[in-house]
Amino acid sequence: MLMAGLFVGVLGLFFVSVFVIIALVRSQFAQLLPADVVPQVMNGLQALLAYQAIALGVTSILLAAIVFWVLSATVVVPLRKIVVAMSAFSERNERLPLPQGNFMPVEIASLSAVLSDSMDKVTSAHEKDMEISRVKSDFISTAAHQLRTPLTGIRWALEALEREPITESQQALVKSAVDKSKDLVAIVGTLLDISSIESGKYKYTFVPADLGELVSEVGNDFTPMVAQRQVSLLYAPSQQPLPPIKIDRERIKWVLNNLIENAIRYTPAGGSITVSTNLAAKQVQVRVRDTGIGIPTKERGSIFQRFYRAGNAISKENQGNGLGLYIARTIANDHGGDLDFVSNTEGPGTTFILSFPIPA
């Protein structure tokens, strides 16, 4: 388009110049030649200039067409192919052929070669990462399976010891050991969940369910923890009837437990947690709003990554492995929904939003 515009501009300037020259020549001839001769001379001159202009115009058009074709074949088309190949690789990880040829400018040929080499390196690095991730998942799965049986045995032994006639101080030690063994078994279970997720073996049983009823059921389970932490937990059901949605009840119950427990743990005494359900944009949503410590701005992009915990969360609670939100979002995505969060616009804290599509 730029070349065509330049060509039209130059051609227009040429014809304007021809008309200006004719006007100047006419004025000069009017002074040098008799008046009755001037029209004949000017007619001949105009015809000559017109023939030359037409010939020059046709020649210019042919030259411009040739230049345009050459530039298109050697510059424009290769660059377009490079852009398309880059977009396909970055968006879909799809490798499209890059332009090759001896007639391209050296710079474009070098660019194509560099891009091809970069794509090879990125693909190789991605394959290595995938292999490392697979090995890591296999190791986690094997280690977790190996740990689960002895840990369960230790917990049973400790629970049996609790029932024995022992002193009060010994009872306290055994109870602490039982609690820690339960935590270890829970961690092993989480590691097995991660392994199942990353290997594609995380199985679901989808059944129609009343999400509002499930949220109320989960909230009631936290009554002792709420009293211990001295916070309030309020359930605000949707004002509109919620349509049944297909979910895996146990998996979604796990997600809700994780979100509500996190909200309670990271909310100071005297704070509040509000769990609500609502309809929004063809979705059923569960919102868990707390008045807790919030999520630092610089760490919001990492909060759903594996094993990641925000700095203020670590200083508030030592317990935690940074896997809960990763698993929770994965479960939500596998249900066709999502898990995200926003900072509260009024007051401190965070609101996590768990959403599910409404069946058509």
Protein backbone atom coordinates (compact mmCIF):
# COMPACT_ATOMS: atom_id res chain seq x y z
CA MET A 1 0.00 0.00 0.00
CA LEU A 2 2.84 2.38 0.80
CA MET A 3 4.58 1.65 -2.52
CA ALA A 4 1.34 2.15 -4.44
CA GLY A 5 0.74 5.46 -2.68
CA LEU A 6 4.24 6.69 -3.48
CA PHE A 7 3.84 5.68 -7.12
CA VAL A 8 0.51 7.50 -7.49
CA GLY A 9 1.99 10.58 -5.82
CA VAL A 10 5.03 10.64 -8.12
CA LEU A 11 2.87 10.11 -11.22
CA GLY A 12 0.53 12.91 -10.19
CA LEU A 13 3.47 15.21 -9.57
CA PHE A 14 4.79 14.38 -13.06
CA PHE A 15 1.54 15.35 -14.81
CA VAL A 16 1.28 18.57 -12.80
CA SER A 17 4.85 19.37 -13.89
CA VAL A 18 3.90 18.77 -17.55
CA PHE A 19 0.99 21.21 -17.34
CA VAL A 20 3.19 23.82 -15.65
CA ILE A 21 5.86 23.44 -18.37
CA ILE A 22 3.24 23.84 -21.11
CA ALA A 23 1.96 27.01 -19.47
CA LEU A 24 5.49 28.45 -19.19
CA VAL A 25 6.36 27.53 -22.80
CA ARG A 26 3.13 29.10 -24.04
CA SER A 27 4.00 32.41 -22.33
CA GLN A 28 7.54 32.36 -23.78
CA PHE A 29 6.36 31.55 -27.32
CA ALA A 30 3.79 34.31 -27.11
CA GLN A 31 6.65 36.78 -26.71
CA LEU A 32 8.99 35.27 -29.35
CA LEU A 33 6.65 34.15 -32.17
CA PRO A 34 3.94 35.82 -34.17
CA ALA A 35 0.49 35.43 -32.65
CA ASP A 36 -0.93 33.41 -35.58
CA VAL A 37 1.91 30.85 -35.35
CA VAL A 38 1.77 30.25 -31.59
CA PRO A 39 -1.42 28.04 -31.63
CA GLN A 40 0.04 25.67 -34.25
CA VAL A 41 3.36 25.36 -32.39
CA MET A 42 1.61 24.84 -29.06
CA ASN A 43 -0.70 22.16 -30.50
CA GLY A 44 2.28 20.24 -31.81
CA LEU A 45 4.19 20.67 -28.56
CA GLN A 46 1.20 19.57 -26.48
CA ALA A 47 0.74 16.48 -28.64
CA LEU A 48 4.43 15.62 -28.28
CA LEU A 49 4.39 16.10 -24.53
CA ALA A 50 1.15 14.10 -24.26
CA TYR A 51 2.67 11.16 -26.18
CA GLN A 52 5.77 11.32 -24.00
CA ALA A 53 3.65 11.52 -20.84
CA ILE A 54 1.59 8.50 -21.87
CA ALA A 55 4.71 6.52 -22.75
CA LEU A 56 6.39 7.52 -19.52
CA GLY A 57 3.22 6.70 -17.54
CA VAL A 58 2.92 3.22 -19.07
CA THR A 59 6.61 2.58 -18.51
CA SER A 60 6.33 3.80 -14.92
CA ILE A 61 3.32 1.54 -14.28
CA LEU A 62 5.17 -1.47 -15.66
CA LEU A 63 8.28 -0.67 -13.63
CA ALA A 64 6.20 -0.08 -10.50
CA ALA A 65 4.36 -3.38 -11.01
CA ILE A 66 7.67 -5.22 -11.41
CA VAL A 67 9.17 -3.50 -8.33
CA PHE A 68 5.99 -4.18 -6.34
CA TRP A 69 6.00 -7.87 -7.33
CA VAL A 70 9.69 -8.24 -6.47
CA LEU A 71 9.29 -6.51 -3.12
CA SER A 72 6.17 -8.53 -2.35
CA ALA A 73 7.83 -11.85 -3.23
CA THR A 74 11.12 -11.17 -1.46
CA VAL A 75 10.10 -8.97 1.49
CA VAL A 76 6.36 -8.66 2.20
CA VAL A 77 5.34 -12.32 1.80
CA PRO A 78 8.29 -13.71 3.81
CA LEU A 79 7.66 -11.20 6.60
CA ARG A 80 3.97 -12.11 6.64
CA LYS A 81 4.85 -15.81 6.90
CA ILE A 82 7.27 -15.06 9.74
CA VAL A 83 4.59 -13.13 11.67
CA VAL A 84 2.01 -15.90 11.16
CA ALA A 85 4.52 -18.56 12.24
CA MET A 86 5.45 -16.57 15.36
CA SER A 87 1.78 -16.10 16.31
CA ALA A 88 0.99 -19.79 15.82
CA PHE A 89 3.99 -20.83 17.91
CA SER A 90 3.34 -18.42 20.77
CA GLU A 91 -0.44 -18.96 20.93
CA ARG A 92 -0.85 -22.66 20.07
CA ASN A 93 2.70 -24.06 20.25
CA GLU A 94 2.27 -24.96 16.56
CA ARG A 95 5.28 -25.04 14.27
CA LEU A 96 4.60 -23.58 10.81
CA PRO A 97 7.29 -23.58 8.10
CA LEU A 98 9.38 -20.42 7.99
CA PRO A 99 10.26 -18.86 4.61
CA GLN A 100 13.47 -19.98 2.93
CA GLY A 101 15.04 -18.97 -0.35
CA ASN A 102 18.03 -17.37 -2.05
CA PHE A 103 16.13 -14.32 -3.27
CA MET A 104 15.17 -12.91 0.14
CA PRO A 105 17.21 -10.03 1.55
CA VAL A 106 20.01 -11.23 3.81
CA GLU A 107 18.39 -9.57 6.85
CA ILE A 108 15.07 -11.41 6.39
CA ALA A 109 16.82 -14.72 5.74
CA SER A 110 18.87 -14.21 8.93
CA LEU A 111 15.72 -13.32 10.88
CA SER A 112 14.01 -16.49 9.65
CA ALA A 113 17.02 -18.61 10.59
CA VAL A 114 17.30 -17.04 14.06
CA LEU A 115 13.59 -17.57 14.71
CA SER A 116 13.78 -21.18 13.59
CA ASP A 117 16.72 -21.77 15.91
CA SER A 118 14.90 -20.03 18.80
CA MET A 119 11.80 -22.17 18.24
CA ASP A 120 13.95 -25.30 18.29
CA LYS A 121 15.49 -24.25 21.59
CA VAL A 122 12.11 -23.36 23.13
CA THR A 123 10.63 -26.68 21.98
CA SER A 124 13.61 -28.58 23.37
CA ALA A 125 13.43 -26.72 26.68
CA HIS A 126 9.67 -27.37 26.88
CA GLU A 127 10.19 -31.08 26.25
CA LYS A 128 12.86 -31.17 28.98
CA ASP A 129 10.53 -29.37 31.39
CA MET A 130 7.74 -31.83 30.59
CA GLU A 131 10.09 -34.77 31.19
CA ILE A 132 11.32 -33.27 34.47
CA SER A 133 7.73 -32.64 35.51
CA ARG A 134 6.81 -36.24 34.66
CA VAL A 135 9.74 -37.62 36.64
CA LYS A 136 8.88 -35.34 39.54
CA SER A 137 5.23 -36.44 39.49
CA ASP A 138 6.27 -40.10 39.37
CA PHE A 139 8.62 -39.56 42.31
CA ILE A 140 5.96 -37.73 44.33
CA SER A 141 3.42 -40.44 43.59
CA THR A 142 5.79 -43.26 44.53
CA ALA A 143 7.00 -41.50 47.69
CA ALA A 144 3.47 -40.63 48.78
CA HIS A 145 2.24 -44.20 48.26
CA GLN A 146 5.22 -45.52 50.21
CA LEU A 147 4.60 -43.06 53.06
CA ARG A 148 0.84 -43.49 53.34
CA THR A 149 0.85 -47.04 54.76
CA PRO A 150 3.41 -46.55 57.58
CA LEU A 151 1.91 -43.17 58.51
CA THR A 152 -1.55 -44.67 58.75
CA GLY A 153 -0.14 -47.46 60.94
CA ILE A 154 1.59 -44.93 63.20
CA ARG A 155 -1.65 -42.96 63.56
CA TRP A 156 -3.62 -46.09 64.51
CA ALA A 157 -0.97 -47.06 67.05
CA LEU A 158 -1.05 -43.58 68.60
CA GLU A 159 -4.84 -43.56 68.72
CA ALA A 160 -4.75 -46.94 70.45
CA LEU A 161 -2.18 -45.56 72.90
CA GLU A 162 -4.52 -42.66 73.67
CA ARG A 163 -7.01 -45.12 75.09
CA GLU A 164 -4.45 -46.64 77.45
CA PRO A 165 -4.25 -45.60 81.15
CA ILE A 166 -1.40 -43.07 80.93
CA THR A 167 -0.62 -39.88 82.82
CA GLU A 168 -2.08 -36.52 81.83
CA SER A 169 1.24 -35.25 80.48
CA GLN A 170 1.72 -38.42 78.47
CA GLN A 171 -1.86 -38.08 77.19
CA ALA A 172 -1.04 -34.56 75.96
CA LEU A 173 2.07 -35.78 74.16
CA VAL A 174 0.20 -38.66 72.52
CA LYS A 175 -2.61 -36.34 71.43
CA SER A 176 -0.09 -33.95 69.88
CA ALA A 177 1.54 -36.88 68.07
CA VAL A 178 -1.87 -38.04 66.80
CA ASP A 179 -2.62 -34.56 65.47
CA LYS A 180 0.75 -34.37 63.73
CA SER A 181 0.28 -37.82 62.22
CA LYS A 182 -3.11 -36.72 60.84
CA ASP A 183 -1.44 -33.67 59.31
CA LEU A 184 1.19 -35.90 57.69
CA VAL A 185 -1.47 -38.23 56.28
CA ALA A 186 -3.32 -35.18 54.89
CA ILE A 187 -0.11 -33.91 53.25
CA VAL A 188 0.48 -37.33 51.69
CA GLY A 189 -3.09 -37.29 50.38
CA THR A 190 -2.49 -33.84 48.87
CA LEU A 191 0.68 -35.05 47.17
CA LEU A 192 -1.25 -37.97 45.70
CA ASP A 193 -3.88 -35.52 44.44
CA ILE A 194 -1.14 -33.45 42.75
CA SER A 195 0.25 -36.60 41.14
CA SER A 196 -3.20 -37.59 39.86
CA ILE A 197 -3.84 -34.11 38.49
CA GLU A 198 -0.57 -33.91 36.58
CA SER A 199 -0.87 -37.43 35.19
CA GLY A 200 -4.46 -36.92 34.06
CA LYS A 201 -5.77 -39.61 36.42
CA TYR A 202 -7.83 -37.31 38.61
CA LYS A 203 -11.27 -38.90 38.27
CA TYR A 204 -14.62 -37.18 38.82
CA THR A 205 -18.15 -38.39 39.40
CA PHE A 206 -20.47 -35.68 38.12
CA VAL A 207 -24.01 -35.63 39.52
CA PRO A 208 -26.68 -32.89 39.64
CA ALA A 209 -26.38 -31.03 42.94
CA ASP A 210 -27.77 -28.04 44.82
CA LEU A 211 -24.72 -25.86 45.32
CA GLY A 212 -26.40 -23.69 47.95
CA GLU A 213 -27.20 -26.75 50.06
CA LEU A 214 -23.60 -27.99 49.78
CA VAL A 215 -22.21 -24.58 50.81
CA SER A 216 -24.48 -24.49 53.86
CA GLU A 217 -23.42 -28.02 54.82
CA VAL A 218 -19.71 -27.19 54.55
CA GLY A 219 -20.13 -23.95 56.52
CA ASN A 220 -21.74 -25.76 59.45
CA ASP A 221 -18.66 -27.99 59.77
CA PHE A 222 -16.54 -24.94 60.71
CA THR A 223 -18.51 -23.94 63.81
CA PRO A 224 -15.82 -25.21 66.26
CA MET A 225 -12.95 -23.59 64.33
CA VAL A 226 -14.81 -20.26 64.08
CA ALA A 227 -15.36 -20.23 67.84
CA GLN A 228 -11.71 -21.10 68.51
CA ARG A 229 -10.41 -18.36 66.19
CA GLN A 230 -12.92 -15.80 67.49
CA VAL A 231 -14.20 -14.80 64.06
CA SER A 232 -17.70 -14.83 62.60
CA LEU A 233 -18.84 -16.95 59.67
CA LEU A 234 -22.00 -15.90 57.82
CA TYR A 235 -23.76 -17.68 54.97
CA ALA A 236 -25.70 -15.41 52.59
CA PRO A 237 -27.77 -17.56 50.18
CA SER A 238 -28.73 -16.29 46.74
CA GLN A 239 -31.97 -14.31 46.52
CA GLN A 240 -32.71 -16.17 43.28
CA PRO A 241 -33.21 -19.95 43.08
CA LEU A 242 -30.01 -21.64 41.96
CA PRO A 243 -30.35 -24.16 39.12
CA PRO A 244 -28.88 -27.62 39.76
CA ILE A 245 -25.39 -28.01 38.33
CA LYS A 246 -23.36 -31.13 37.65
CA ILE A 247 -20.43 -31.41 40.03
CA ASP A 248 -18.36 -33.97 41.86
CA ARG A 249 -19.73 -33.32 45.36
CA GLU A 250 -16.67 -34.58 47.23
CA ARG A 251 -14.21 -32.63 45.10
CA ILE A 252 -16.19 -29.39 45.32
CA LYS A 253 -16.71 -29.94 49.04
CA TRP A 254 -12.91 -30.18 49.32
CA VAL A 255 -12.54 -26.87 47.42
CA LEU A 256 -15.08 -25.10 49.64
CA ASN A 257 -13.39 -26.48 52.76
CA ASN A 258 -10.04 -25.16 51.52
CA LEU A 259 -11.38 -21.67 50.73
CA ILE A 260 -13.30 -21.27 53.99
CA GLU A 261 -10.49 -22.69 56.14
CA ASN A 262 -7.98 -20.34 54.51
CA ALA A 263 -10.30 -17.39 55.13
CA ILE A 264 -10.63 -18.31 58.82
CA ARG A 265 -6.90 -18.92 59.29
CA TYR A 266 -5.84 -15.62 57.75
CA THR A 267 -8.50 -13.43 59.39
CA PRO A 268 -7.54 -11.86 62.75
CA ALA A 269 -9.74 -12.33 65.80
CA GLY A 270 -12.84 -10.17 65.59
CA GLY A 271 -12.93 -10.38 61.80
CA SER A 272 -15.61 -11.91 59.62
CA ILE A 273 -16.02 -14.34 56.75
CA THR A 274 -19.06 -14.19 54.49
CA VAL A 275 -19.88 -17.07 52.15
CA SER A 276 -22.50 -16.21 49.54
CA THR A 277 -24.05 -17.76 46.45
CA ASN A 278 -25.43 -15.89 43.45
CA LEU A 279 -26.21 -16.02 39.73
CA ALA A 280 -24.05 -13.96 37.37
CA ALA A 281 -23.60 -14.04 33.57
CA LYS A 282 -24.88 -17.62 33.05
CA GLN A 283 -22.84 -18.81 36.01
CA VAL A 284 -23.48 -20.02 39.52
CA GLN A 285 -20.96 -18.43 41.86
CA VAL A 286 -19.76 -18.99 45.41
CA ARG A 287 -18.00 -16.01 46.97
CA VAL A 288 -15.85 -16.35 50.08
CA ARG A 289 -15.17 -12.88 51.44
CA ASP A 290 -12.91 -12.32 54.45
CA THR A 291 -11.57 -9.33 56.34
CA GLY A 292 -8.15 -10.91 56.67
CA ILE A 293 -4.57 -10.02 55.80
CA GLY A 294 -5.18 -9.87 52.03
CA ILE A 295 -2.77 -10.77 49.25
CA PRO A 296 0.16 -8.41 48.46
CA THR A 297 -0.10 -6.84 45.00
CA LYS A 298 3.29 -8.15 43.83
CA GLU A 299 2.35 -11.74 44.74
CA ARG A 300 -1.11 -11.94 43.18
CA GLY A 301 0.15 -13.44 39.93
CA SER A 302 1.72 -16.39 41.77
CA ILE A 303 -0.95 -17.28 44.30
CA PHE A 304 -2.29 -20.26 42.28
CA GLN A 305 1.13 -21.76 41.57
CA ARG A 306 2.21 -25.05 43.13
CA PHE A 307 3.95 -24.82 46.52
CA TYR A 308 3.59 -21.02 46.56
CA ARG A 309 2.66 -19.14 49.72
CA ALA A 310 2.55 -15.36 50.07
CA GLY A 311 5.04 -13.87 52.51
CA ASN A 312 2.37 -12.42 54.82
CA ALA A 313 0.60 -15.82 54.88
CA ILE A 314 3.80 -17.58 55.99
CA SER A 315 4.35 -15.06 58.81
CA LYS A 316 0.71 -15.46 59.94
CA GLU A 317 0.43 -19.27 59.70
CA ASN A 318 3.30 -21.77 59.61
CA GLN A 319 0.93 -24.55 58.61
CA GLY A 320 0.37 -24.93 54.87
CA ASN A 321 2.12 -26.36 51.83
CA GLY A 322 1.08 -23.98 49.06
CA LEU A 323 -0.86 -26.65 47.17
CA GLY A 324 -4.46 -25.99 48.20
CA LEU A 325 -5.29 -23.15 45.83
CA TYR A 326 -3.49 -24.87 42.95
CA ILE A 327 -5.61 -28.01 43.41
CA ALA A 328 -8.78 -25.97 44.01
CA ARG A 329 -8.42 -24.03 40.77
CA THR A 330 -7.61 -27.22 38.85
CA ILE A 331 -10.78 -28.85 40.16
CA ALA A 332 -12.82 -25.76 39.23
CA ASN A 333 -11.33 -25.72 35.71
CA ASP A 334 -12.06 -29.43 35.30
CA HIS A 335 -15.70 -28.62 36.07
CA GLY A 336 -15.73 -26.06 33.25
CA GLY A 337 -15.60 -23.23 35.78
CA ASP A 338 -12.90 -21.13 37.41
CA LEU A 339 -11.50 -19.94 40.72
CA ASP A 340 -10.23 -16.38 41.02
CA PHE A 341 -10.01 -13.61 43.58
CA VAL A 342 -10.36 -9.83 43.96
CA SER A 343 -9.27 -7.49 46.70
CA ASN A 344 -12.15 -6.08 48.72
CA THR A 345 -13.12 -2.61 47.56
CA GLU A 346 -14.35 -1.73 51.05
CA GLY A 347 -12.15 -2.67 53.98
CA PRO A 348 -9.32 -5.19 54.23
CA GLY A 349 -9.28 -8.75 52.98
CA THR A 350 -9.93 -10.77 49.86
CA THR A 351 -12.90 -12.30 48.05
CA PHE A 352 -12.40 -15.64 46.31
CA ILE A 353 -14.91 -16.40 43.54
CA LEU A 354 -15.68 -20.00 42.61
CA SER A 355 -17.81 -20.16 39.45
CA PHE A 356 -19.57 -22.92 37.49
CA PRO A 357 -21.36 -22.69 34.12
CA ILE A 358 -25.12 -23.16 34.12
CA PRO A 359 -26.03 -26.20 32.00
CA ALA A 360 -27.75 -25.32 28.71
